[in-house]
């Protein structure tokens, strides 16, 4: 069984790398952002709290994040392990997580703030089917139109310079203590996230002594 935490600022490619590892190693990808998006789309109480935070440009409350992750992990559907993306977010959560789960490694995707801004402000979302685009790496065939359903592509409400500056400040303030705790107790693989996706994935595997992609089975 393998259990990993993947960390990195918004736009660093956490979700992409977590999905690649999960698919190849039969891990469950626990993505806090996906759980919150589902709640927003289904108009739950949690979704209302998330929307208020996002619309004001802030990160979602730490206690709410912790509650959602605890509930998700109690499902115990992770027979071969998991990769958690978007948690823990503060030092207390990191201590709780290390005490509760025997983590095999922490992946930290390192990216400059300048590159984060460039990537995040290029993101677009289909207003009809929800498909993600990025005007740098995955442009639609027709500008501002979804390739799949023809819906209009829009920027997320919180993908603007002002809200992003707030999120970056909050992220750095909370992440440094978390990384320090992990570095004291667990192996942390710091990976250059400015590289192309395959190169980032190869470096993660090398640092964690994992088999090359496709050779896990």
N, C-alpha and C. Protein backbone atom coordinates (compact mmCIF):
# COMPACT_ATOMS: atom_id res chain seq x y z
N UNK A 1 0.85 -1.20 0.00
CA UNK A 1 0.00 0.00 0.00
C UNK A 1 0.88 1.24 0.00
N UNK A 2 0.51 2.20 -0.83
CA UNK A 2 1.27 3.45 -0.91
C UNK A 2 0.35 4.62 -0.55
N UNK A 3 0.86 5.52 0.29
CA UNK A 3 0.07 6.67 0.70
C UNK A 3 0.93 7.94 0.55
N UNK A 4 0.46 8.85 -0.29
CA UNK A 4 1.22 10.05 -0.59
C UNK A 4 0.38 11.31 -0.38
N UNK A 5 1.09 12.39 -0.10
CA UNK A 5 0.50 13.73 -0.08
C UNK A 5 1.17 14.51 -1.20
N UNK A 6 0.38 15.21 -2.00
CA UNK A 6 0.96 16.07 -3.04
C UNK A 6 0.60 17.51 -2.73
N UNK A 7 1.62 18.37 -2.68
CA UNK A 7 1.44 19.76 -2.31
C UNK A 7 1.97 20.66 -3.42
N UNK A 8 1.43 21.86 -3.48
CA UNK A 8 1.89 22.83 -4.46
C UNK A 8 0.88 23.94 -4.58
N UNK A 9 1.34 25.09 -4.99
CA UNK A 9 0.46 26.24 -5.13
C UNK A 9 -0.50 26.01 -6.30
N UNK A 10 -1.57 26.76 -6.32
CA UNK A 10 -2.55 26.68 -7.41
C UNK A 10 -1.84 26.86 -8.75
N UNK A 11 -2.15 25.99 -9.71
CA UNK A 11 -1.53 26.09 -11.02
C UNK A 11 -0.25 25.30 -11.16
N UNK A 12 0.18 24.61 -10.09
CA UNK A 12 1.44 23.87 -10.15
C UNK A 12 1.29 22.48 -10.77
N UNK A 13 0.04 22.05 -11.01
CA UNK A 13 -0.17 20.75 -11.64
C UNK A 13 -0.41 19.61 -10.68
N UNK A 14 -0.83 19.93 -9.44
CA UNK A 14 -1.07 18.88 -8.44
C UNK A 14 -2.08 17.85 -8.93
N UNK A 15 -3.22 18.36 -9.43
CA UNK A 15 -4.28 17.45 -9.87
C UNK A 15 -3.83 16.54 -10.99
N UNK A 16 -3.11 17.11 -11.96
CA UNK A 16 -2.62 16.31 -13.09
C UNK A 16 -1.68 15.21 -12.63
N UNK A 17 -0.71 15.57 -11.79
CA UNK A 17 0.27 14.57 -11.33
C UNK A 17 -0.37 13.54 -10.41
N UNK A 18 -1.32 13.97 -9.57
CA UNK A 18 -2.01 13.02 -8.69
C UNK A 18 -2.81 12.02 -9.50
N UNK A 19 -3.47 12.50 -10.56
CA UNK A 19 -4.26 11.59 -11.42
C UNK A 19 -3.36 10.59 -12.13
N UNK A 20 -2.20 11.03 -12.60
CA UNK A 20 -1.28 10.13 -13.28
C UNK A 20 -0.79 9.02 -12.33
N UNK A 21 -0.41 9.41 -11.12
CA UNK A 21 0.05 8.42 -10.13
C UNK A 21 -1.08 7.47 -9.74
N UNK A 22 -2.27 8.03 -9.51
CA UNK A 22 -3.40 7.22 -9.08
C UNK A 22 -3.76 6.17 -10.13
N UNK A 23 -3.79 6.59 -11.41
CA UNK A 23 -4.18 5.67 -12.48
C UNK A 23 -3.16 4.55 -12.64
N UNK A 24 -1.88 4.88 -12.51
CA UNK A 24 -0.85 3.87 -12.77
C UNK A 24 -0.61 2.95 -11.58
N UNK A 25 -0.84 3.45 -10.36
CA UNK A 25 -0.54 2.67 -9.16
C UNK A 25 -1.78 2.15 -8.44
N UNK A 26 -2.96 2.31 -9.07
CA UNK A 26 -4.23 1.88 -8.46
C UNK A 26 -4.50 2.58 -7.13
N UNK A 27 -4.15 3.85 -7.07
CA UNK A 27 -4.38 4.63 -5.86
C UNK A 27 -5.70 5.40 -5.99
N UNK A 28 -6.31 5.73 -4.87
CA UNK A 28 -7.47 6.61 -4.88
C UNK A 28 -6.98 8.06 -4.81
N UNK A 29 -7.41 8.87 -5.75
CA UNK A 29 -7.04 10.28 -5.76
C UNK A 29 -8.08 11.05 -4.96
N UNK A 30 -7.67 11.58 -3.82
CA UNK A 30 -8.58 12.36 -2.97
C UNK A 30 -8.26 13.83 -3.20
N UNK A 31 -9.13 14.48 -3.97
CA UNK A 31 -8.92 15.86 -4.39
C UNK A 31 -9.91 16.75 -3.66
N UNK A 32 -9.41 17.57 -2.76
CA UNK A 32 -10.28 18.44 -1.95
C UNK A 32 -11.07 19.39 -2.86
N UNK A 33 -10.41 19.92 -3.89
CA UNK A 33 -11.10 20.84 -4.80
C UNK A 33 -12.27 20.19 -5.51
N UNK A 34 -12.08 18.93 -5.95
CA UNK A 34 -13.17 18.22 -6.63
C UNK A 34 -14.35 18.00 -5.69
N UNK A 35 -14.05 17.64 -4.44
CA UNK A 35 -15.12 17.43 -3.46
C UNK A 35 -15.91 18.72 -3.25
N UNK A 36 -15.20 19.84 -3.16
CA UNK A 36 -15.86 21.13 -2.97
C UNK A 36 -16.68 21.52 -4.20
N UNK A 37 -16.12 21.27 -5.41
CA UNK A 37 -16.86 21.62 -6.63
C UNK A 37 -18.16 20.83 -6.72
N UNK A 38 -18.10 19.54 -6.34
CA UNK A 38 -19.31 18.72 -6.36
C UNK A 38 -20.36 19.32 -5.43
N UNK A 39 -19.92 19.76 -4.25
CA UNK A 39 -20.86 20.36 -3.29
C UNK A 39 -21.44 21.67 -3.80
N UNK A 40 -20.63 22.47 -4.49
CA UNK A 40 -21.14 23.73 -5.06
C UNK A 40 -22.18 23.44 -6.13
N UNK A 41 -21.85 22.49 -7.04
CA UNK A 41 -22.76 22.16 -8.14
C UNK A 41 -24.08 21.57 -7.64
N UNK A 42 -24.02 20.87 -6.48
CA UNK A 42 -25.23 20.24 -5.95
C UNK A 42 -25.90 21.06 -4.85
N UNK A 43 -25.43 22.31 -4.68
CA UNK A 43 -26.08 23.29 -3.79
C UNK A 43 -26.24 22.76 -2.36
N UNK A 44 -25.19 22.14 -1.83
CA UNK A 44 -25.23 21.67 -0.44
C UNK A 44 -24.83 22.80 0.50
N UNK A 45 -24.98 22.56 1.82
CA UNK A 45 -24.54 23.56 2.80
C UNK A 45 -23.04 23.82 2.68
N UNK A 46 -22.27 22.73 2.50
CA UNK A 46 -20.82 22.89 2.32
C UNK A 46 -20.55 23.73 1.07
N UNK A 47 -21.31 23.47 0.01
CA UNK A 47 -21.14 24.22 -1.22
C UNK A 47 -21.37 25.71 -1.04
N UNK A 48 -22.35 26.08 -0.23
CA UNK A 48 -22.63 27.50 0.02
C UNK A 48 -21.46 28.15 0.75
N UNK A 49 -20.87 27.43 1.73
CA UNK A 49 -19.71 27.96 2.45
C UNK A 49 -18.52 28.14 1.52
N UNK A 50 -18.32 27.16 0.63
CA UNK A 50 -17.21 27.23 -0.32
C UNK A 50 -17.39 28.41 -1.26
N UNK A 51 -18.59 28.59 -1.77
CA UNK A 51 -18.85 29.67 -2.73
C UNK A 51 -18.58 31.05 -2.09
N UNK A 52 -19.00 31.21 -0.82
CA UNK A 52 -18.76 32.49 -0.14
C UNK A 52 -17.26 32.79 -0.05
N UNK A 53 -16.48 31.76 0.30
CA UNK A 53 -15.03 31.95 0.44
C UNK A 53 -14.39 32.28 -0.91
N UNK A 54 -14.76 31.50 -1.92
CA UNK A 54 -14.17 31.68 -3.26
C UNK A 54 -14.51 33.05 -3.83
N UNK A 55 -15.76 33.46 -3.69
CA UNK A 55 -16.18 34.75 -4.26
C UNK A 55 -15.47 35.93 -3.60
N UNK A 56 -15.02 35.73 -2.35
CA UNK A 56 -14.30 36.80 -1.66
C UNK A 56 -12.78 36.71 -1.89
N UNK A 57 -12.36 35.69 -2.66
CA UNK A 57 -10.94 35.55 -3.00
C UNK A 57 -10.11 34.87 -1.95
N UNK A 58 -10.76 34.22 -0.96
CA UNK A 58 -10.02 33.56 0.12
C UNK A 58 -10.00 32.04 -0.05
N UNK A 59 -9.07 31.40 0.66
CA UNK A 59 -9.07 29.95 0.71
C UNK A 59 -10.24 29.49 1.58
N UNK A 60 -10.72 28.28 1.33
CA UNK A 60 -11.80 27.73 2.13
C UNK A 60 -11.30 27.50 3.56
N UNK A 61 -12.18 27.72 4.54
CA UNK A 61 -11.84 27.58 5.95
C UNK A 61 -11.18 26.24 6.25
N UNK A 62 -10.08 26.27 7.01
CA UNK A 62 -9.31 25.06 7.31
C UNK A 62 -10.14 23.97 8.00
N UNK A 63 -11.01 24.37 8.91
CA UNK A 63 -11.82 23.38 9.63
C UNK A 63 -12.75 22.62 8.69
N UNK A 64 -13.29 23.35 7.71
CA UNK A 64 -14.17 22.71 6.73
C UNK A 64 -13.38 21.73 5.87
N UNK A 65 -12.18 22.12 5.45
CA UNK A 65 -11.31 21.24 4.67
C UNK A 65 -11.01 19.96 5.46
N UNK A 66 -10.65 20.13 6.72
CA UNK A 66 -10.31 18.98 7.56
C UNK A 66 -11.50 18.02 7.71
N UNK A 67 -12.69 18.57 7.92
CA UNK A 67 -13.88 17.74 8.09
C UNK A 67 -14.16 16.92 6.83
N UNK A 68 -14.05 17.58 5.68
CA UNK A 68 -14.32 16.91 4.40
C UNK A 68 -13.32 15.77 4.17
N UNK A 69 -12.04 16.01 4.45
CA UNK A 69 -11.02 14.99 4.22
C UNK A 69 -11.20 13.82 5.19
N UNK A 70 -11.48 14.11 6.43
CA UNK A 70 -11.71 13.02 7.40
C UNK A 70 -12.85 12.12 6.95
N UNK A 71 -13.95 12.75 6.54
CA UNK A 71 -15.11 11.98 6.09
C UNK A 71 -14.77 11.14 4.87
N UNK A 72 -14.00 11.72 3.94
CA UNK A 72 -13.64 10.99 2.71
C UNK A 72 -12.75 9.78 3.03
N UNK A 73 -11.81 9.94 3.94
CA UNK A 73 -10.88 8.85 4.25
C UNK A 73 -11.56 7.72 5.03
N UNK A 74 -12.66 8.01 5.71
CA UNK A 74 -13.35 6.96 6.45
C UNK A 74 -14.06 5.98 5.52
N UNK A 75 -14.16 6.29 4.22
CA UNK A 75 -14.77 5.35 3.27
C UNK A 75 -13.95 4.08 3.11
N UNK A 76 -12.63 4.20 3.33
CA UNK A 76 -11.71 3.05 3.24
C UNK A 76 -11.87 2.28 1.93
N UNK A 77 -12.00 3.03 0.83
CA UNK A 77 -12.06 2.39 -0.48
C UNK A 77 -10.70 2.39 -1.16
N UNK A 78 -9.66 2.74 -0.40
CA UNK A 78 -8.32 2.86 -0.95
C UNK A 78 -7.50 1.59 -0.63
N UNK A 79 -7.84 0.50 -1.31
CA UNK A 79 -7.20 -0.79 -1.05
C UNK A 79 -5.69 -0.77 -1.27
N UNK A 80 -5.26 -0.04 -2.30
CA UNK A 80 -3.83 0.00 -2.63
C UNK A 80 -3.16 1.29 -2.16
N UNK A 81 -3.96 2.16 -1.55
CA UNK A 81 -3.39 3.40 -1.05
C UNK A 81 -4.09 4.61 -1.66
N UNK A 82 -3.55 5.80 -1.37
CA UNK A 82 -4.16 7.03 -1.86
C UNK A 82 -3.11 8.10 -2.11
N UNK A 83 -3.52 9.09 -2.88
CA UNK A 83 -2.72 10.31 -3.02
C UNK A 83 -3.67 11.46 -2.72
N UNK A 84 -3.35 12.22 -1.68
CA UNK A 84 -4.20 13.32 -1.22
C UNK A 84 -3.68 14.63 -1.80
N UNK A 85 -4.59 15.39 -2.41
CA UNK A 85 -4.25 16.61 -3.12
C UNK A 85 -5.06 17.76 -2.50
N UNK A 86 -4.35 18.74 -1.92
CA UNK A 86 -5.04 19.90 -1.34
C UNK A 86 -5.18 19.84 0.17
N UNK A 87 -4.47 18.92 0.82
CA UNK A 87 -4.54 18.76 2.28
C UNK A 87 -3.26 18.04 2.72
N UNK A 88 -2.70 18.36 3.89
CA UNK A 88 -3.14 19.33 4.89
C UNK A 88 -2.75 20.75 4.53
N UNK A 89 -3.45 21.70 5.17
CA UNK A 89 -3.25 23.11 4.85
C UNK A 89 -2.62 23.92 5.98
N UNK A 90 -2.52 23.35 7.14
CA UNK A 90 -1.85 24.08 8.23
C UNK A 90 -1.11 23.08 9.11
N UNK A 91 -0.35 23.61 10.06
CA UNK A 91 0.51 22.76 10.88
C UNK A 91 -0.29 21.77 11.72
N UNK A 92 -1.42 22.20 12.26
CA UNK A 92 -2.23 21.30 13.10
C UNK A 92 -2.76 20.14 12.27
N UNK A 93 -3.23 20.44 11.06
CA UNK A 93 -3.72 19.37 10.20
C UNK A 93 -2.61 18.41 9.80
N UNK A 94 -1.41 18.94 9.59
CA UNK A 94 -0.28 18.09 9.23
C UNK A 94 0.05 17.12 10.36
N UNK A 95 0.05 17.62 11.59
CA UNK A 95 0.32 16.75 12.75
C UNK A 95 -0.74 15.66 12.86
N UNK A 96 -2.01 16.05 12.71
CA UNK A 96 -3.11 15.08 12.78
C UNK A 96 -2.95 14.02 11.70
N UNK A 97 -2.62 14.46 10.49
CA UNK A 97 -2.51 13.54 9.36
C UNK A 97 -1.39 12.54 9.57
N UNK A 98 -0.25 13.01 10.07
CA UNK A 98 0.88 12.13 10.29
C UNK A 98 0.61 11.12 11.40
N UNK A 99 -0.15 11.55 12.41
CA UNK A 99 -0.48 10.63 13.50
C UNK A 99 -1.50 9.58 13.07
N UNK A 100 -2.38 9.93 12.12
CA UNK A 100 -3.47 9.04 11.74
C UNK A 100 -3.12 8.10 10.59
N UNK A 101 -2.19 8.51 9.73
CA UNK A 101 -1.88 7.72 8.54
C UNK A 101 -0.37 7.60 8.36
N UNK A 102 0.07 6.43 7.97
CA UNK A 102 1.48 6.15 7.76
C UNK A 102 1.85 6.58 6.34
N UNK A 103 2.26 7.83 6.19
CA UNK A 103 2.52 8.40 4.87
C UNK A 103 3.86 7.91 4.34
N UNK A 104 3.88 7.55 3.05
CA UNK A 104 5.11 7.05 2.43
C UNK A 104 5.97 8.16 1.84
N UNK A 105 5.36 9.28 1.54
CA UNK A 105 6.15 10.37 0.98
C UNK A 105 5.29 11.58 0.68
N UNK A 106 5.93 12.73 0.63
CA UNK A 106 5.26 13.99 0.32
C UNK A 106 5.91 14.56 -0.94
N UNK A 107 5.08 14.92 -1.90
CA UNK A 107 5.55 15.50 -3.15
C UNK A 107 5.24 16.99 -3.11
N UNK A 108 6.27 17.83 -3.25
CA UNK A 108 6.05 19.27 -3.26
C UNK A 108 6.41 19.80 -4.65
N UNK A 109 5.40 20.30 -5.37
CA UNK A 109 5.61 20.85 -6.70
C UNK A 109 5.97 22.33 -6.57
N UNK A 110 7.20 22.64 -6.83
CA UNK A 110 7.75 23.98 -6.61
C UNK A 110 7.57 24.82 -7.88
N UNK A 111 6.94 25.99 -7.71
CA UNK A 111 6.66 26.86 -8.85
C UNK A 111 6.73 28.31 -8.39
N UNK A 112 7.33 29.18 -9.20
CA UNK A 112 7.43 30.60 -8.82
C UNK A 112 6.06 31.26 -8.90
N UNK A 113 5.89 32.31 -8.13
CA UNK A 113 4.62 33.06 -8.16
C UNK A 113 4.34 33.63 -9.55
N UNK A 114 5.40 34.05 -10.24
CA UNK A 114 5.22 34.62 -11.58
C UNK A 114 4.61 33.59 -12.53
N UNK A 115 5.10 32.34 -12.46
CA UNK A 115 4.58 31.29 -13.33
C UNK A 115 3.16 30.90 -12.92
N UNK A 116 2.88 30.94 -11.62
CA UNK A 116 1.52 30.65 -11.14
C UNK A 116 0.54 31.65 -11.76
N UNK A 117 0.88 32.93 -11.70
CA UNK A 117 0.01 33.97 -12.24
C UNK A 117 -0.22 33.74 -13.74
N UNK A 118 0.86 33.45 -14.46
CA UNK A 118 0.75 33.22 -15.90
C UNK A 118 -0.20 32.06 -16.20
N UNK A 119 -0.05 30.96 -15.45
CA UNK A 119 -0.86 29.76 -15.71
C UNK A 119 -2.32 29.96 -15.30
N UNK A 120 -2.52 30.50 -14.10
CA UNK A 120 -3.89 30.60 -13.58
C UNK A 120 -4.73 31.58 -14.40
N UNK A 121 -4.14 32.69 -14.81
CA UNK A 121 -4.91 33.68 -15.57
C UNK A 121 -5.21 33.20 -16.99
N UNK A 122 -4.57 32.09 -17.39
CA UNK A 122 -4.85 31.52 -18.72
C UNK A 122 -5.91 30.42 -18.66
N UNK A 123 -6.41 30.11 -17.46
CA UNK A 123 -7.39 29.03 -17.34
C UNK A 123 -8.77 29.48 -17.82
N UNK A 124 -9.46 28.54 -18.45
CA UNK A 124 -10.84 28.79 -18.86
C UNK A 124 -11.67 27.55 -18.54
N UNK A 125 -12.96 27.76 -18.37
CA UNK A 125 -13.88 26.69 -18.01
C UNK A 125 -15.09 26.79 -18.92
N UNK A 126 -15.56 25.64 -19.45
CA UNK A 126 -16.76 25.67 -20.28
C UNK A 126 -17.96 25.95 -19.39
N UNK A 127 -18.73 26.98 -19.75
CA UNK A 127 -19.89 27.37 -18.93
C UNK A 127 -21.03 26.37 -19.04
N UNK A 128 -20.95 25.45 -20.01
CA UNK A 128 -22.02 24.48 -20.19
C UNK A 128 -21.65 23.10 -19.61
N UNK A 129 -20.51 22.53 -20.03
CA UNK A 129 -20.18 21.16 -19.59
C UNK A 129 -19.10 21.10 -18.52
N UNK A 130 -18.45 22.24 -18.23
CA UNK A 130 -17.47 22.27 -17.15
C UNK A 130 -16.07 21.82 -17.50
N UNK A 131 -15.81 21.52 -18.80
CA UNK A 131 -14.49 21.06 -19.22
C UNK A 131 -13.46 22.17 -19.01
N UNK A 132 -12.26 21.77 -18.52
CA UNK A 132 -11.18 22.73 -18.27
C UNK A 132 -10.34 22.96 -19.52
N UNK A 133 -9.94 24.20 -19.73
CA UNK A 133 -9.00 24.56 -20.79
C UNK A 133 -7.91 25.44 -20.19
N UNK A 134 -6.79 25.54 -20.92
CA UNK A 134 -5.75 26.47 -20.54
C UNK A 134 -5.20 27.08 -21.83
N UNK A 135 -5.23 28.39 -21.93
CA UNK A 135 -4.87 29.06 -23.18
C UNK A 135 -3.38 28.94 -23.48
N UNK A 136 -2.62 28.38 -22.54
CA UNK A 136 -1.19 28.14 -22.79
C UNK A 136 -0.99 26.73 -23.34
N UNK A 137 -1.58 25.74 -22.65
CA UNK A 137 -1.28 24.34 -22.97
C UNK A 137 -2.39 23.61 -23.71
N UNK A 138 -3.62 24.01 -23.53
CA UNK A 138 -4.74 23.26 -24.14
C UNK A 138 -5.80 24.22 -24.66
N UNK A 139 -5.47 24.89 -25.75
CA UNK A 139 -6.39 25.86 -26.35
C UNK A 139 -7.55 25.15 -27.05
N UNK A 140 -8.73 25.76 -27.07
CA UNK A 140 -9.84 25.19 -27.86
C UNK A 140 -9.57 25.42 -29.35
N UNK A 141 -10.19 24.60 -30.21
CA UNK A 141 -9.99 24.74 -31.66
C UNK A 141 -10.51 26.11 -32.14
N UNK A 142 -11.66 26.51 -31.60
CA UNK A 142 -12.23 27.83 -31.91
C UNK A 142 -12.12 28.69 -30.65
N UNK A 143 -11.54 29.89 -30.75
CA UNK A 143 -11.37 30.73 -29.56
C UNK A 143 -12.67 30.91 -28.77
N UNK A 144 -12.56 30.71 -27.44
CA UNK A 144 -13.67 30.95 -26.50
C UNK A 144 -14.87 30.02 -26.68
N UNK A 145 -14.68 28.90 -27.42
CA UNK A 145 -15.78 27.95 -27.63
C UNK A 145 -15.30 26.54 -27.27
N UNK A 146 -16.10 25.81 -26.48
CA UNK A 146 -15.75 24.46 -26.05
C UNK A 146 -15.73 23.50 -27.24
N UNK A 147 -14.67 22.70 -27.35
CA UNK A 147 -14.56 21.71 -28.43
C UNK A 147 -15.63 20.63 -28.34
N UNK A 148 -16.09 20.33 -27.13
CA UNK A 148 -16.99 19.19 -26.92
C UNK A 148 -18.45 19.55 -27.11
N UNK A 149 -18.90 20.63 -26.44
CA UNK A 149 -20.34 20.94 -26.46
C UNK A 149 -20.68 22.28 -27.11
N UNK A 150 -19.66 23.07 -27.46
CA UNK A 150 -19.93 24.36 -28.09
C UNK A 150 -20.28 25.47 -27.12
N UNK A 151 -20.18 25.19 -25.82
CA UNK A 151 -20.48 26.20 -24.82
C UNK A 151 -19.43 27.30 -24.78
N UNK A 152 -19.78 28.44 -24.18
CA UNK A 152 -18.86 29.57 -24.08
C UNK A 152 -17.83 29.29 -22.98
N UNK A 153 -16.57 29.61 -23.26
CA UNK A 153 -15.52 29.46 -22.26
C UNK A 153 -15.40 30.74 -21.45
N UNK A 154 -15.32 30.57 -20.13
CA UNK A 154 -15.24 31.72 -19.23
C UNK A 154 -14.11 31.51 -18.22
N UNK A 155 -13.64 32.61 -17.67
CA UNK A 155 -12.69 32.52 -16.56
C UNK A 155 -13.46 32.27 -15.28
N UNK A 156 -12.85 31.52 -14.36
CA UNK A 156 -13.51 31.31 -13.07
C UNK A 156 -13.58 32.66 -12.34
N UNK A 157 -14.61 32.86 -11.51
CA UNK A 157 -14.78 34.16 -10.85
C UNK A 157 -13.55 34.58 -10.02
N UNK A 158 -12.86 33.57 -9.45
CA UNK A 158 -11.72 33.91 -8.58
C UNK A 158 -10.39 33.91 -9.32
N UNK A 159 -10.40 33.69 -10.64
CA UNK A 159 -9.15 33.73 -11.41
C UNK A 159 -8.92 35.14 -11.94
N UNK A 160 -8.61 36.04 -11.02
CA UNK A 160 -8.27 37.40 -11.39
C UNK A 160 -7.07 37.82 -10.56
N UNK A 161 -6.30 38.82 -10.99
CA UNK A 161 -5.05 39.17 -10.30
C UNK A 161 -5.23 39.49 -8.82
N UNK A 162 -6.30 40.19 -8.46
CA UNK A 162 -6.50 40.59 -7.06
C UNK A 162 -6.75 39.38 -6.17
N UNK A 163 -7.68 38.51 -6.58
CA UNK A 163 -8.00 37.32 -5.77
C UNK A 163 -6.81 36.38 -5.71
N UNK A 164 -6.08 36.27 -6.83
CA UNK A 164 -4.92 35.37 -6.87
C UNK A 164 -3.82 35.85 -5.91
N UNK A 165 -3.63 37.15 -5.83
CA UNK A 165 -2.61 37.70 -4.91
C UNK A 165 -2.95 37.34 -3.47
N UNK A 166 -4.23 37.41 -3.10
CA UNK A 166 -4.66 37.04 -1.75
C UNK A 166 -4.40 35.56 -1.50
N UNK A 167 -4.76 34.70 -2.47
CA UNK A 167 -4.58 33.26 -2.30
C UNK A 167 -3.11 32.89 -2.19
N UNK A 168 -2.27 33.53 -2.98
CA UNK A 168 -0.83 33.25 -2.91
C UNK A 168 -0.27 33.62 -1.54
N UNK A 169 -0.68 34.77 -1.03
CA UNK A 169 -0.19 35.23 0.28
C UNK A 169 -0.63 34.25 1.37
N UNK A 170 -1.90 33.86 1.34
CA UNK A 170 -2.40 32.91 2.34
C UNK A 170 -1.70 31.56 2.21
N UNK A 171 -1.51 31.13 0.97
CA UNK A 171 -0.89 29.82 0.74
C UNK A 171 0.52 29.78 1.30
N UNK A 172 1.33 30.77 0.97
CA UNK A 172 2.71 30.78 1.44
C UNK A 172 2.79 30.87 2.96
N UNK A 173 1.90 31.66 3.56
CA UNK A 173 1.91 31.81 5.01
C UNK A 173 1.60 30.51 5.74
N UNK A 174 0.73 29.69 5.17
CA UNK A 174 0.32 28.44 5.83
C UNK A 174 1.15 27.24 5.40
N UNK A 175 1.70 27.28 4.18
CA UNK A 175 2.37 26.10 3.64
C UNK A 175 3.76 25.89 4.22
N UNK A 176 4.46 26.97 4.47
CA UNK A 176 5.84 26.82 4.97
C UNK A 176 5.89 25.99 6.27
N UNK A 177 5.03 26.28 7.28
CA UNK A 177 5.05 25.46 8.50
C UNK A 177 4.70 23.99 8.23
N UNK A 178 3.79 23.73 7.28
CA UNK A 178 3.42 22.36 6.94
C UNK A 178 4.61 21.62 6.35
N UNK A 179 5.29 22.27 5.42
CA UNK A 179 6.47 21.64 4.80
C UNK A 179 7.55 21.34 5.82
N UNK A 180 7.74 22.27 6.77
CA UNK A 180 8.76 22.06 7.80
C UNK A 180 8.44 20.84 8.66
N UNK A 181 7.16 20.66 8.98
CA UNK A 181 6.75 19.48 9.77
C UNK A 181 7.01 18.21 8.98
N UNK A 182 6.63 18.20 7.71
CA UNK A 182 6.85 17.02 6.87
C UNK A 182 8.34 16.73 6.71
N UNK A 183 9.14 17.78 6.55
CA UNK A 183 10.58 17.57 6.36
C UNK A 183 11.24 17.00 7.61
N UNK A 184 10.68 17.30 8.78
CA UNK A 184 11.21 16.73 10.02
C UNK A 184 10.86 15.25 10.16
N UNK A 185 9.66 14.87 9.68
CA UNK A 185 9.14 13.54 9.97
C UNK A 185 9.02 12.62 8.76
N UNK A 186 8.96 13.19 7.57
CA UNK A 186 8.71 12.39 6.38
C UNK A 186 9.66 12.81 5.26
N UNK A 187 9.75 11.92 4.28
CA UNK A 187 10.55 12.26 3.10
C UNK A 187 9.76 13.20 2.20
N UNK A 188 10.34 14.37 1.87
CA UNK A 188 9.71 15.32 0.98
C UNK A 188 10.50 15.39 -0.32
N UNK A 189 9.83 15.10 -1.44
CA UNK A 189 10.45 15.22 -2.75
C UNK A 189 10.07 16.56 -3.34
N UNK A 190 11.02 17.48 -3.42
CA UNK A 190 10.78 18.79 -4.01
C UNK A 190 11.06 18.69 -5.50
N UNK A 191 10.04 18.97 -6.31
CA UNK A 191 10.13 18.77 -7.76
C UNK A 191 9.87 20.09 -8.48
N UNK A 192 10.66 20.36 -9.51
CA UNK A 192 10.51 21.57 -10.31
C UNK A 192 9.26 21.44 -11.19
N UNK A 193 8.20 22.17 -10.84
CA UNK A 193 6.92 22.04 -11.53
C UNK A 193 6.82 22.89 -12.79
N UNK A 194 7.90 23.60 -13.14
CA UNK A 194 7.86 24.41 -14.36
C UNK A 194 8.15 23.57 -15.60
N UNK A 195 8.55 22.32 -15.41
CA UNK A 195 8.86 21.42 -16.52
C UNK A 195 7.57 20.92 -17.19
N UNK A 196 7.69 20.33 -18.39
CA UNK A 196 6.51 19.69 -19.00
C UNK A 196 5.98 18.56 -18.12
N UNK A 197 4.70 18.25 -18.26
CA UNK A 197 4.04 17.24 -17.42
C UNK A 197 4.80 15.91 -17.36
N UNK A 198 5.23 15.33 -18.51
CA UNK A 198 5.94 14.04 -18.42
C UNK A 198 7.25 14.12 -17.63
N UNK A 199 7.96 15.25 -17.76
CA UNK A 199 9.22 15.41 -17.04
C UNK A 199 8.98 15.52 -15.53
N UNK A 200 7.93 16.24 -15.15
CA UNK A 200 7.58 16.35 -13.72
C UNK A 200 7.24 14.97 -13.18
N UNK A 201 6.43 14.22 -13.93
CA UNK A 201 6.04 12.88 -13.48
C UNK A 201 7.24 11.96 -13.33
N UNK A 202 8.17 12.02 -14.30
CA UNK A 202 9.37 11.18 -14.25
C UNK A 202 10.23 11.54 -13.03
N UNK A 203 10.33 12.84 -12.73
CA UNK A 203 11.14 13.26 -11.57
C UNK A 203 10.50 12.81 -10.26
N UNK A 204 9.16 12.89 -10.18
CA UNK A 204 8.46 12.42 -8.98
C UNK A 204 8.77 10.95 -8.75
N UNK A 205 8.65 10.15 -9.81
CA UNK A 205 8.87 8.71 -9.70
C UNK A 205 10.31 8.39 -9.30
N UNK A 206 11.23 9.13 -9.87
CA UNK A 206 12.63 8.90 -9.54
C UNK A 206 12.90 9.23 -8.07
N UNK A 207 12.36 10.36 -7.60
CA UNK A 207 12.61 10.79 -6.23
C UNK A 207 11.97 9.85 -5.21
N UNK A 208 10.81 9.28 -5.58
CA UNK A 208 10.09 8.38 -4.66
C UNK A 208 10.45 6.91 -4.89
N UNK A 209 11.42 6.68 -5.80
CA UNK A 209 11.86 5.31 -6.14
C UNK A 209 10.69 4.44 -6.62
N UNK A 210 9.86 5.04 -7.45
CA UNK A 210 8.73 4.32 -8.04
C UNK A 210 9.14 3.80 -9.41
N UNK A 211 8.52 2.72 -9.89
CA UNK A 211 8.83 2.23 -11.24
C UNK A 211 8.42 3.25 -12.29
N UNK A 212 9.02 3.20 -13.47
CA UNK A 212 8.63 4.12 -14.55
C UNK A 212 7.14 3.97 -14.87
N UNK A 213 6.57 5.00 -15.47
CA UNK A 213 5.14 4.98 -15.81
C UNK A 213 4.82 3.75 -16.65
N UNK A 214 3.74 3.05 -16.28
CA UNK A 214 3.32 1.87 -17.02
C UNK A 214 3.95 0.57 -16.58
N UNK A 215 4.94 0.65 -15.67
CA UNK A 215 5.64 -0.56 -15.24
C UNK A 215 5.26 -1.00 -13.84
N UNK A 216 4.22 -0.39 -13.27
CA UNK A 216 3.87 -0.67 -11.87
C UNK A 216 3.22 -2.03 -11.70
N UNK A 217 2.61 -2.57 -12.77
CA UNK A 217 1.83 -3.80 -12.60
C UNK A 217 2.64 -5.00 -13.04
